[in-house]
Amino acid sequence: MKPLLISLLLASTSLTATARQPTGTTGVYASAGGSTTGGLGQAAAANSFANVNVKAEASASLIDGSLHALAWSSNNPTLPRGCRPDLLHCNWGTSAEVWYHDTITLEGGADIEGIAIPWHWSVNGTTTRGKWWSGAAAYSYFYIGTNPEGWRTATYLDVKNQSREITNTFQLPGQGESLKLYIYASLTTFAEGGAVADYSHTGRFSWDLPEGLSYASASGRFMTAPVPEPASYALMLAGLAVLPWARQRLRLSAARAG
């Protein structure tokens, strides 16, 4: 087996389905192509890697509870002389991985004592095989609860070619009491040999807190992003749909002016 294929196979085997151990009380990390940004005490991180054959993009945010990961590999790669991917002589691939953790403290009150708060974790995206010997993977881990070591038993979701969701509730504490929650979330994608694992618009936490409930987080930023109104969200999606058309019009106008 050629050295190039051996090294890439070893790299792909490192993507085992295990949760990363969090350190400290809060942190955000984004890994793309093997390089990691972010760290303890950070609330958001983004990273990217690209060459002629692969592209990886990763971002994570405690501010809106989201994770995004994309791994792309070319169907028309530039390879060393004599490399025959159709005969398994060589291959090319990359990965994107994101994860965050935080500690949240909710304060109880007489008017909210014992209320069940629903929460939701959802992941969706797509994986596509390439025209060569190829493969793609996508998986997620999630935990929220009162156990500081809860990441060890985080729920594993194999999200390759399917959407996955976790929904549950927790009880608000009584007046004069507090509830400490530990949250951990991760998302990993891998693609090689022309495959694509696109989870760049997915991985999101949400909860339905009663109005007036106070809480604090170790990051100081957890879920502080404003939630868009339904009408505003619809307008935003409509605007995104128009962008490609608008760019094309601008290119045509520039060409005519030139």
C-alpha atoms as a PDB file:
ATOM      1  CA  MET A   1       0.000   0.000   0.000  1.00  0.00           C
ATOM      2  CA  LYS A   2       1.378   3.436  -0.904  1.00  0.00           C
ATOM      3  CA  PRO A   3       2.544   5.731   1.968  1.00  0.00           C
ATOM      4  CA  LEU A   4      -0.018   8.422   1.057  1.00  0.00           C
ATOM      5  CA  LEU A   5      -2.937   6.017   1.459  1.00  0.00           C
ATOM      6  CA  ILE A   6      -1.509   4.610   4.691  1.00  0.00           C
ATOM      7  CA  SER A   7      -1.230   8.068   6.274  1.00  0.00           C
ATOM      8  CA  LEU A   8      -4.746   9.027   5.283  1.00  0.00           C
ATOM      9  CA  LEU A   9      -6.200   5.761   6.549  1.00  0.00           C
ATOM     10  CA  LEU A  10      -4.464   6.307   9.880  1.00  0.00           C
ATOM     11  CA  ALA A  11      -5.887   9.829  10.015  1.00  0.00           C
ATOM     12  CA  SER A  12      -9.408   8.560   9.361  1.00  0.00           C
ATOM     13  CA  THR A  13      -9.172   5.912  12.074  1.00  0.00           C
ATOM     14  CA  SER A  14      -8.491   8.660  14.635  1.00  0.00           C
ATOM     15  CA  LEU A  15     -12.078   9.839  14.166  1.00  0.00           C
ATOM     16  CA  THR A  16     -13.423   7.337  16.656  1.00  0.00           C
ATOM     17  CA  ALA A  17     -16.802   7.987  18.224  1.00  0.00           C
ATOM     18  CA  THR A  18     -15.687   9.343  21.588  1.00  0.00           C
ATOM     19  CA  ALA A  19     -16.566  12.550  23.403  1.00  0.00           C
ATOM     20  CA  ARG A  20     -13.731  14.966  24.135  1.00  0.00           C
ATOM     21  CA  GLN A  21     -13.069  15.654  27.786  1.00  0.00           C
ATOM     22  CA  PRO A  22     -13.898  19.269  28.668  1.00  0.00           C
ATOM     23  CA  THR A  23     -11.538  21.227  30.914  1.00  0.00           C
ATOM     24  CA  GLY A  24     -12.501  24.162  33.091  1.00  0.00           C
ATOM     25  CA  THR A  25     -16.060  25.390  33.446  1.00  0.00           C
ATOM     26  CA  THR A  26     -16.522  26.737  29.927  1.00  0.00           C
ATOM     27  CA  GLY A  27     -14.884  26.601  26.510  1.00  0.00           C
ATOM     28  CA  VAL A  28     -15.422  26.557  22.739  1.00  0.00           C
ATOM     29  CA  TYR A  29     -13.280  24.815  20.121  1.00  0.00           C
ATOM     30  CA  ALA A  30     -13.235  24.569  16.328  1.00  0.00           C
ATOM     31  CA  SER A  31     -10.948  22.148  14.494  1.00  0.00           C
ATOM     32  CA  ALA A  32     -10.493  22.141  10.704  1.00  0.00           C
ATOM     33  CA  GLY A  33      -8.003  19.983   8.862  1.00  0.00           C
ATOM     34  CA  GLY A  34      -6.294  19.110  12.133  1.00  0.00           C
ATOM     35  CA  SER A  35      -5.757  22.690  13.351  1.00  0.00           C
ATOM     36  CA  THR A  36      -7.762  23.845  16.403  1.00  0.00           C
ATOM     37  CA  THR A  37      -8.785  27.329  17.529  1.00  0.00           C
ATOM     38  CA  GLY A  38     -10.753  28.504  20.555  1.00  0.00           C
ATOM     39  CA  GLY A  39     -10.054  27.599  24.159  1.00  0.00           C
ATOM     40  CA  LEU A  40     -11.065  27.904  27.779  1.00  0.00           C
ATOM     41  CA  GLY A  41     -13.226  30.912  28.605  1.00  0.00           C
ATOM     42  CA  GLN A  42     -14.084  31.664  24.984  1.00  0.00           C
ATOM     43  CA  ALA A  43     -17.694  31.962  23.818  1.00  0.00           C
ATOM     44  CA  ALA A  44     -17.215  31.536  20.046  1.00  0.00           C
ATOM     45  CA  ALA A  45     -14.615  30.116  17.668  1.00  0.00           C
ATOM     46  CA  ALA A  46     -14.253  29.558  13.926  1.00  0.00           C
ATOM     47  CA  ASN A  47     -11.664  27.792  11.796  1.00  0.00           C
ATOM     48  CA  SER A  48     -11.110  26.736   8.187  1.00  0.00           C
ATOM     49  CA  PHE A  49      -8.651  24.800   6.045  1.00  0.00           C
ATOM     50  CA  ALA A  50      -8.446  24.339   2.278  1.00  0.00           C
ATOM     51  CA  ASN A  51      -6.182  23.162  -0.494  1.00  0.00           C
ATOM     52  CA  VAL A  52      -6.821  22.008  -4.073  1.00  0.00           C
ATOM     53  CA  ASN A  53      -8.251  18.678  -2.898  1.00  0.00           C
ATOM     54  CA  VAL A  54     -10.096  19.324   0.372  1.00  0.00           C
ATOM     55  CA  LYS A  55     -11.902  21.967   2.405  1.00  0.00           C
ATOM     56  CA  ALA A  56     -12.930  22.006   6.071  1.00  0.00           C
ATOM     57  CA  GLU A  57     -14.956  24.660   7.893  1.00  0.00           C
ATOM     58  CA  ALA A  58     -15.889  24.681  11.576  1.00  0.00           C
ATOM     59  CA  SER A  59     -17.557  27.137  13.948  1.00  0.00           C
ATOM     60  CA  ALA A  60     -19.087  26.983  17.415  1.00  0.00           C
ATOM     61  CA  SER A  61     -20.926  29.481  19.573  1.00  0.00           C
ATOM     62  CA  LEU A  62     -22.227  29.430  23.121  1.00  0.00           C
ATOM     63  CA  ILE A  63     -23.980  32.701  22.324  1.00  0.00           C
ATOM     64  CA  ASP A  64     -26.664  30.948  20.258  1.00  0.00           C
ATOM     65  CA  GLY A  65     -25.873  27.323  21.210  1.00  0.00           C
ATOM     66  CA  SER A  66     -24.861  26.308  17.669  1.00  0.00           C
ATOM     67  CA  LEU A  67     -22.260  24.067  16.045  1.00  0.00           C
ATOM     68  CA  HIS A  68     -21.379  23.985  12.333  1.00  0.00           C
ATOM     69  CA  ALA A  69     -19.027  21.577  10.531  1.00  0.00           C
ATOM     70  CA  LEU A  70     -18.286  20.943   6.842  1.00  0.00           C
ATOM     71  CA  ALA A  71     -15.823  18.461   5.323  1.00  0.00           C
ATOM     72  CA  TRP A  72     -15.437  18.469   1.527  1.00  0.00           C
ATOM     73  CA  SER A  73     -13.164  16.477  -0.797  1.00  0.00           C
ATOM     74  CA  SER A  74     -12.786  16.994  -4.529  1.00  0.00           C
ATOM     75  CA  ASN A  75     -13.985  14.620  -7.228  1.00  0.00           C
ATOM     76  CA  ASN A  76     -11.260  16.031  -9.490  1.00  0.00           C
ATOM     77  CA  PRO A  77      -8.176  16.033  -7.267  1.00  0.00           C
ATOM     78  CA  THR A  78      -4.622  17.002  -8.058  1.00  0.00           C
ATOM     79  CA  LEU A  79      -2.594  13.917  -7.153  1.00  0.00           C
ATOM     80  CA  PRO A  80       1.056  12.815  -7.378  1.00  0.00           C
ATOM     81  CA  ARG A  81       2.208  11.142 -10.568  1.00  0.00           C
ATOM     82  CA  GLY A  82       1.269   7.466 -10.644  1.00  0.00           C
ATOM     83  CA  CYS A  83      -1.461   7.860  -8.041  1.00  0.00           C
ATOM     84  CA  ARG A  84      -4.518   5.771  -8.999  1.00  0.00           C
ATOM     85  CA  PRO A  85      -7.456   6.324  -6.616  1.00  0.00           C
ATOM     86  CA  ASP A  86      -9.563   3.892  -8.649  1.00  0.00           C
ATOM     87  CA  LEU A  87      -7.061   1.162  -7.703  1.00  0.00           C
ATOM     88  CA  LEU A  88      -6.839   2.329  -4.057  1.00  0.00           C
ATOM     89  CA  HIS A  89      -3.269   3.557  -4.539  1.00  0.00           C
ATOM     90  CA  CYS A  90      -4.056   6.806  -2.751  1.00  0.00           C
ATOM     91  CA  ASN A  91      -6.828   8.899  -1.318  1.00  0.00           C
ATOM     92  CA  TRP A  92      -7.421  12.371   0.133  1.00  0.00           C
ATOM     93  CA  GLY A  93      -9.630  13.569   2.954  1.00  0.00           C
ATOM     94  CA  THR A  94     -10.201  16.046   5.753  1.00  0.00           C
ATOM     95  CA  SER A  95     -12.266  16.558   8.891  1.00  0.00           C
ATOM     96  CA  ALA A  96     -14.040  19.315  10.812  1.00  0.00           C
ATOM     97  CA  GLU A  97     -14.875  19.083  14.499  1.00  0.00           C
ATOM     98  CA  VAL A  98     -16.481  21.519  16.926  1.00  0.00           C
ATOM     99  CA  TRP A  99     -17.445  21.284  20.580  1.00  0.00           C
ATOM    100  CA  TYR A 100     -18.384  23.478  23.517  1.00  0.00           C
ATOM    101  CA  HIS A 101     -19.174  23.191  27.205  1.00  0.00           C
ATOM    102  CA  ASP A 102     -20.559  25.567  29.800  1.00  0.00           C
ATOM    103  CA  THR A 103     -21.933  25.637  33.340  1.00  0.00           C
ATOM    104  CA  ILE A 104     -25.329  27.262  33.885  1.00  0.00           C
ATOM    105  CA  THR A 105     -26.960  28.270  37.177  1.00  0.00           C
ATOM    106  CA  LEU A 106     -30.706  28.956  37.325  1.00  0.00           C
ATOM    107  CA  GLU A 107     -32.289  30.739  40.273  1.00  0.00           C
ATOM    108  CA  GLY A 108     -35.682  29.594  41.558  1.00  0.00           C
ATOM    109  CA  GLY A 109     -38.676  31.723  42.476  1.00  0.00           C
ATOM    110  CA  ALA A 110     -42.066  31.278  44.093  1.00  0.00           C
ATOM    111  CA  ASP A 111     -43.965  31.808  40.856  1.00  0.00           C
ATOM    112  CA  ILE A 112     -41.882  29.331  38.815  1.00  0.00           C
ATOM    113  CA  GLU A 113     -41.223  26.625  41.389  1.00  0.00           C
ATOM    114  CA  GLY A 114     -41.341  23.116  39.921  1.00  0.00           C
ATOM    115  CA  ILE A 115     -41.998  24.232  36.338  1.00  0.00           C
ATOM    116  CA  ALA A 116     -40.725  21.738  33.750  1.00  0.00           C
ATOM    117  CA  ILE A 117     -38.504  23.453  31.183  1.00  0.00           C
ATOM    118  CA  PRO A 118     -38.324  21.742  27.773  1.00  0.00           C
ATOM    119  CA  TRP A 119     -34.999  21.702  25.933  1.00  0.00           C
ATOM    120  CA  HIS A 120     -34.044  20.488  22.479  1.00  0.00           C
ATOM    121  CA  TRP A 121     -30.850  19.446  20.662  1.00  0.00           C
ATOM    122  CA  SER A 122     -31.081  18.904  16.898  1.00  0.00           C
ATOM    123  CA  VAL A 123     -28.575  17.975  14.194  1.00  0.00           C
ATOM    124  CA  ASN A 124     -29.230  17.671  10.480  1.00  0.00           C
ATOM    125  CA  GLY A 125     -27.202  17.684   7.311  1.00  0.00           C
ATOM    126  CA  THR A 126     -26.152  15.487   4.404  1.00  0.00           C
ATOM    127  CA  THR A 127     -23.311  13.211   3.373  1.00  0.00           C
ATOM    128  CA  THR A 128     -22.560  12.472  -0.279  1.00  0.00           C
ATOM    129  CA  ARG A 129     -20.266   9.829  -1.729  1.00  0.00           C
ATOM    130  CA  GLY A 130     -17.707  10.754  -4.328  1.00  0.00           C
ATOM    131  CA  LYS A 131     -17.010   9.056  -7.642  1.00  0.00           C
ATOM    132  CA  TRP A 132     -13.868   7.363  -6.248  1.00  0.00           C
ATOM    133  CA  TRP A 133     -13.347   4.962  -3.376  1.00  0.00           C
ATOM    134  CA  SER A 134     -14.659   7.309  -0.729  1.00  0.00           C
ATOM    135  CA  GLY A 135     -16.346   7.686   2.592  1.00  0.00           C
ATOM    136  CA  ALA A 136     -18.038  10.222   4.850  1.00  0.00           C
ATOM    137  CA  ALA A 137     -19.001  10.339   8.512  1.00  0.00           C
ATOM    138  CA  ALA A 138     -20.957  12.659  10.783  1.00  0.00           C
ATOM    139  CA  TYR A 139     -21.767  12.261  14.449  1.00  0.00           C
ATOM    140  CA  SER A 140     -22.625  14.304  17.513  1.00  0.00           C
ATOM    141  CA  TYR A 141     -22.504  14.048  21.315  1.00  0.00           C
ATOM    142  CA  PHE A 142     -24.807  15.958  23.657  1.00  0.00           C
ATOM    143  CA  TYR A 143     -25.399  16.212  27.384  1.00  0.00           C
ATOM    144  CA  ILE A 144     -27.209  18.625  29.682  1.00  0.00           C
ATOM    145  CA  GLY A 145     -27.797  17.777  33.321  1.00  0.00           C
ATOM    146  CA  THR A 146     -26.598  18.103  36.891  1.00  0.00           C
ATOM    147  CA  ASN A 147     -23.593  15.761  36.670  1.00  0.00           C
ATOM    148  CA  PRO A 148     -20.263  17.604  36.129  1.00  0.00           C
ATOM    149  CA  GLU A 149     -18.947  14.363  34.581  1.00  0.00           C
ATOM    150  CA  GLY A 150     -22.010  14.013  32.344  1.00  0.00           C
ATOM    151  CA  TRP A 151     -19.914  14.348  29.186  1.00  0.00           C
ATOM    152  CA  ARG A 152     -18.741  10.778  29.849  1.00  0.00           C
ATOM    153  CA  THR A 153     -22.276   9.489  29.270  1.00  0.00           C
ATOM    154  CA  ALA A 154     -23.288  12.033  26.622  1.00  0.00           C
ATOM    155  CA  THR A 155     -25.844  10.800  24.107  1.00  0.00           C
ATOM    156  CA  TYR A 156     -24.187   9.686  20.868  1.00  0.00           C
ATOM    157  CA  LEU A 157     -25.962  10.490  17.601  1.00  0.00           C
ATOM    158  CA  ASP A 158     -24.884   9.007  14.274  1.00  0.00           C
ATOM    159  CA  VAL A 159     -26.277  11.706  11.983  1.00  0.00           C
ATOM    160  CA  LYS A 160     -24.925  10.472   8.658  1.00  0.00           C
ATOM    161  CA  ASN A 161     -27.631  11.081   6.036  1.00  0.00           C
ATOM    162  CA  GLN A 162     -30.309  11.711   8.636  1.00  0.00           C
ATOM    163  CA  SER A 163     -31.570  14.244  11.150  1.00  0.00           C
ATOM    164  CA  ARG A 164     -31.431  13.448  14.837  1.00  0.00           C
ATOM    165  CA  GLU A 165     -33.070  15.174  17.783  1.00  0.00           C
ATOM    166  CA  ILE A 166     -33.067  14.887  21.562  1.00  0.00           C
ATOM    167  CA  THR A 167     -35.864  16.458  23.591  1.00  0.00           C
ATOM    168  CA  ASN A 168     -36.346  16.397  27.349  1.00  0.00           C
ATOM    169  CA  THR A 169     -37.123  18.630  30.345  1.00  0.00           C
ATOM    170  CA  PHE A 170     -35.617  19.722  33.648  1.00  0.00           C
ATOM    171  CA  GLN A 171     -37.409  21.022  36.743  1.00  0.00           C
ATOM    172  CA  LEU A 172     -36.846  24.571  37.928  1.00  0.00           C
ATOM    173  CA  PRO A 173     -35.774  24.898  41.554  1.00  0.00           C
ATOM    174  CA  GLY A 174     -37.922  26.307  44.344  1.00  0.00           C
ATOM    175  CA  GLN A 175     -37.709  29.771  45.839  1.00  0.00           C
ATOM    176  CA  GLY A 176     -34.336  30.447  47.418  1.00  0.00           C
ATOM    177  CA  GLU A 177     -32.788  27.481  45.627  1.00  0.00           C
ATOM    178  CA  SER A 178     -30.635  27.179  42.544  1.00  0.00           C
ATOM    179  CA  LEU A 179     -30.044  24.554  39.872  1.00  0.00           C
ATOM    180  CA  LYS A 180     -26.613  24.038  38.328  1.00  0.00           C
ATOM    181  CA  LEU A 181     -26.554  22.460  34.869  1.00  0.00           C
ATOM    182  CA  TYR A 182     -23.597  21.264  32.827  1.00  0.00           C
ATOM    183  CA  ILE A 183     -23.923  21.327  29.041  1.00  0.00           C
ATOM    184  CA  TYR A 184     -21.671  19.600  26.529  1.00  0.00           C
ATOM    185  CA  ALA A 185     -22.128  19.387  22.745  1.00  0.00           C
ATOM    186  CA  SER A 186     -19.923  18.241  19.876  1.00  0.00           C
ATOM    187  CA  LEU A 187     -20.204  17.688  16.120  1.00  0.00           C
ATOM    188  CA  THR A 188     -17.681  15.872  13.908  1.00  0.00           C
ATOM    189  CA  THR A 189     -17.605  15.448  10.119  1.00  0.00           C
ATOM    190  CA  PHE A 190     -15.183  13.597   7.841  1.00  0.00           C
ATOM    191  CA  ALA A 191     -15.006  13.208   4.051  1.00  0.00           C
ATOM    192  CA  GLU A 192     -12.504  11.582   1.691  1.00  0.00           C
ATOM    193  CA  GLY A 193     -12.142  10.495  -1.928  1.00  0.00           C
ATOM    194  CA  GLY A 194     -14.661  12.970  -3.380  1.00  0.00           C
ATOM    195  CA  ALA A 195     -17.224  12.628  -0.579  1.00  0.00           C
ATOM    196  CA  VAL A 196     -18.846  15.559   1.247  1.00  0.00           C
ATOM    197  CA  ALA A 197     -20.211  15.814   4.811  1.00  0.00           C
ATOM    198  CA  ASP A 198     -22.135  19.085   4.986  1.00  0.00           C
ATOM    199  CA  TYR A 199     -23.393  19.954   8.461  1.00  0.00           C
ATOM    200  CA  SER A 200     -22.600  23.654   8.124  1.00  0.00           C
ATOM    201  CA  HIS A 201     -26.103  24.853   9.091  1.00  0.00           C
ATOM    202  CA  THR A 202     -26.883  22.537  11.955  1.00  0.00           C
ATOM    203  CA  GLY A 203     -26.229  21.467  15.520  1.00  0.00           C
ATOM    204  CA  ARG A 204     -28.344  23.712  17.712  1.00  0.00           C
ATOM    205  CA  PHE A 205     -29.542  23.837  21.308  1.00  0.00           C
ATOM    206  CA  SER A 206     -32.757  25.548  22.353  1.00  0.00           C
ATOM    207  CA  TRP A 207     -34.846  25.819  25.508  1.00  0.00           C
ATOM    208  CA  ASP A 208     -38.122  27.430  26.501  1.00  0.00           C
ATOM    209  CA  LEU A 209     -37.462  29.488  29.627  1.00  0.00           C
ATOM    210  CA  PRO A 210     -40.312  31.351  31.351  1.00  0.00           C
ATOM    211  CA  GLU A 211     -40.182  35.113  31.080  1.00  0.00           C
ATOM    212  CA  GLY A 212     -38.343  36.762  33.934  1.00  0.00           C
ATOM    213  CA  LEU A 213     -36.268  33.713  34.889  1.00  0.00           C
ATOM    214  CA  SER A 214     -32.724  34.711  35.796  1.00  0.00           C
ATOM    215  CA  TYR A 215     -29.728  32.522  35.101  1.00  0.00           C
ATOM    216  CA  ALA A 216     -25.976  32.859  34.942  1.00  0.00           C
ATOM    217  CA  SER A 217     -23.357  30.946  32.968  1.00  0.00           C
ATOM    218  CA  ALA A 218     -19.645  30.446  33.446  1.00  0.00           C
ATOM    219  CA  SER A 219     -19.096  31.972  29.997  1.00  0.00           C
ATOM    220  CA  GLY A 220     -21.383  34.907  30.720  1.00  0.00           C
ATOM    221  CA  ARG A 221     -22.651  34.563  27.143  1.00  0.00           C
ATOM    222  CA  PHE A 222     -24.647  31.320  26.996  1.00  0.00           C
ATOM    223  CA  MET A 223     -27.802  31.695  24.854  1.00  0.00           C
ATOM    224  CA  THR A 224     -27.658  35.496  24.964  1.00  0.00           C
ATOM    225  CA  ALA A 225     -28.246  35.953  21.217  1.00  0.00           C
ATOM    226  CA  PRO A 226     -31.693  37.425  20.490  1.00  0.00           C
ATOM    227  CA  VAL A 227     -34.138  34.965  18.969  1.00  0.00           C
ATOM    228  CA  PRO A 228     -35.500  36.386  15.673  1.00  0.00           C
ATOM    229  CA  GLU A 229     -39.234  36.845  15.360  1.00  0.00           C
ATOM    230  CA  PRO A 230     -40.886  34.395  12.907  1.00  0.00           C
ATOM    231  CA  ALA A 231     -41.568  37.194  10.411  1.00  0.00           C
ATOM    232  CA  SER A 232     -37.959  38.429  10.627  1.00  0.00           C
ATOM    233  CA  TYR A 233     -36.656  34.888  10.204  1.00  0.00           C
ATOM    234  CA  ALA A 234     -38.772  34.399   7.086  1.00  0.00           C
ATOM    235  CA  LEU A 235     -37.464  37.655   5.636  1.00  0.00           C
ATOM    236  CA  MET A 236     -33.888  36.609   6.378  1.00  0.00           C
ATOM    237  CA  LEU A 237     -34.376  33.280   4.566  1.00  0.00           C
ATOM    238  CA  ALA A 238     -35.959  35.082   1.618  1.00  0.00           C
ATOM    239  CA  GLY A 239     -32.974  37.429   1.488  1.00  0.00           C
ATOM    240  CA  LEU A 240     -30.544  34.513   1.475  1.00  0.00           C
ATOM    241  CA  ALA A 241     -32.450  32.936  -1.406  1.00  0.00           C
ATOM    242  CA  VAL A 242     -32.116  36.139  -3.442  1.00  0.00           C
ATOM    243  CA  LEU A 243     -28.365  36.538  -2.870  1.00  0.00           C
ATOM    244  CA  PRO A 244     -27.163  34.240  -5.711  1.00  0.00           C
ATOM    245  CA  TRP A 245     -29.493  35.998  -8.173  1.00  0.00           C
ATOM    246  CA  ALA A 246     -28.314  39.433  -7.003  1.00  0.00           C
ATOM    247  CA  ARG A 247     -24.653  38.458  -7.336  1.00  0.00           C
ATOM    248  CA  GLN A 248     -25.265  37.230 -10.881  1.00  0.00           C
ATOM    249  CA  ARG A 249     -26.955  40.534 -11.795  1.00  0.00           C
ATOM    250  CA  LEU A 250     -24.000  42.474 -10.395  1.00  0.00           C
ATOM    251  CA  ARG A 251     -21.534  40.388 -12.419  1.00  0.00           C
ATOM    252  CA  LEU A 252     -23.540  40.949 -15.609  1.00  0.00           C
ATOM    253  CA  SER A 253     -23.761  44.692 -14.953  1.00  0.00           C
ATOM    254  CA  ALA A 254     -20.007  44.897 -14.359  1.00  0.00           C
ATOM    255  CA  ALA A 255     -19.312  42.953 -17.559  1.00  0.00           C
ATOM    256  CA  ARG A 256     -21.512  45.287 -19.608  1.00  0.00           C
ATOM    257  CA  ALA A 257     -19.908  48.365 -18.056  1.00  0.00           C
ATOM    258  CA  GLY A 258     -16.467  47.029 -18.894  1.00  0.00           C
END
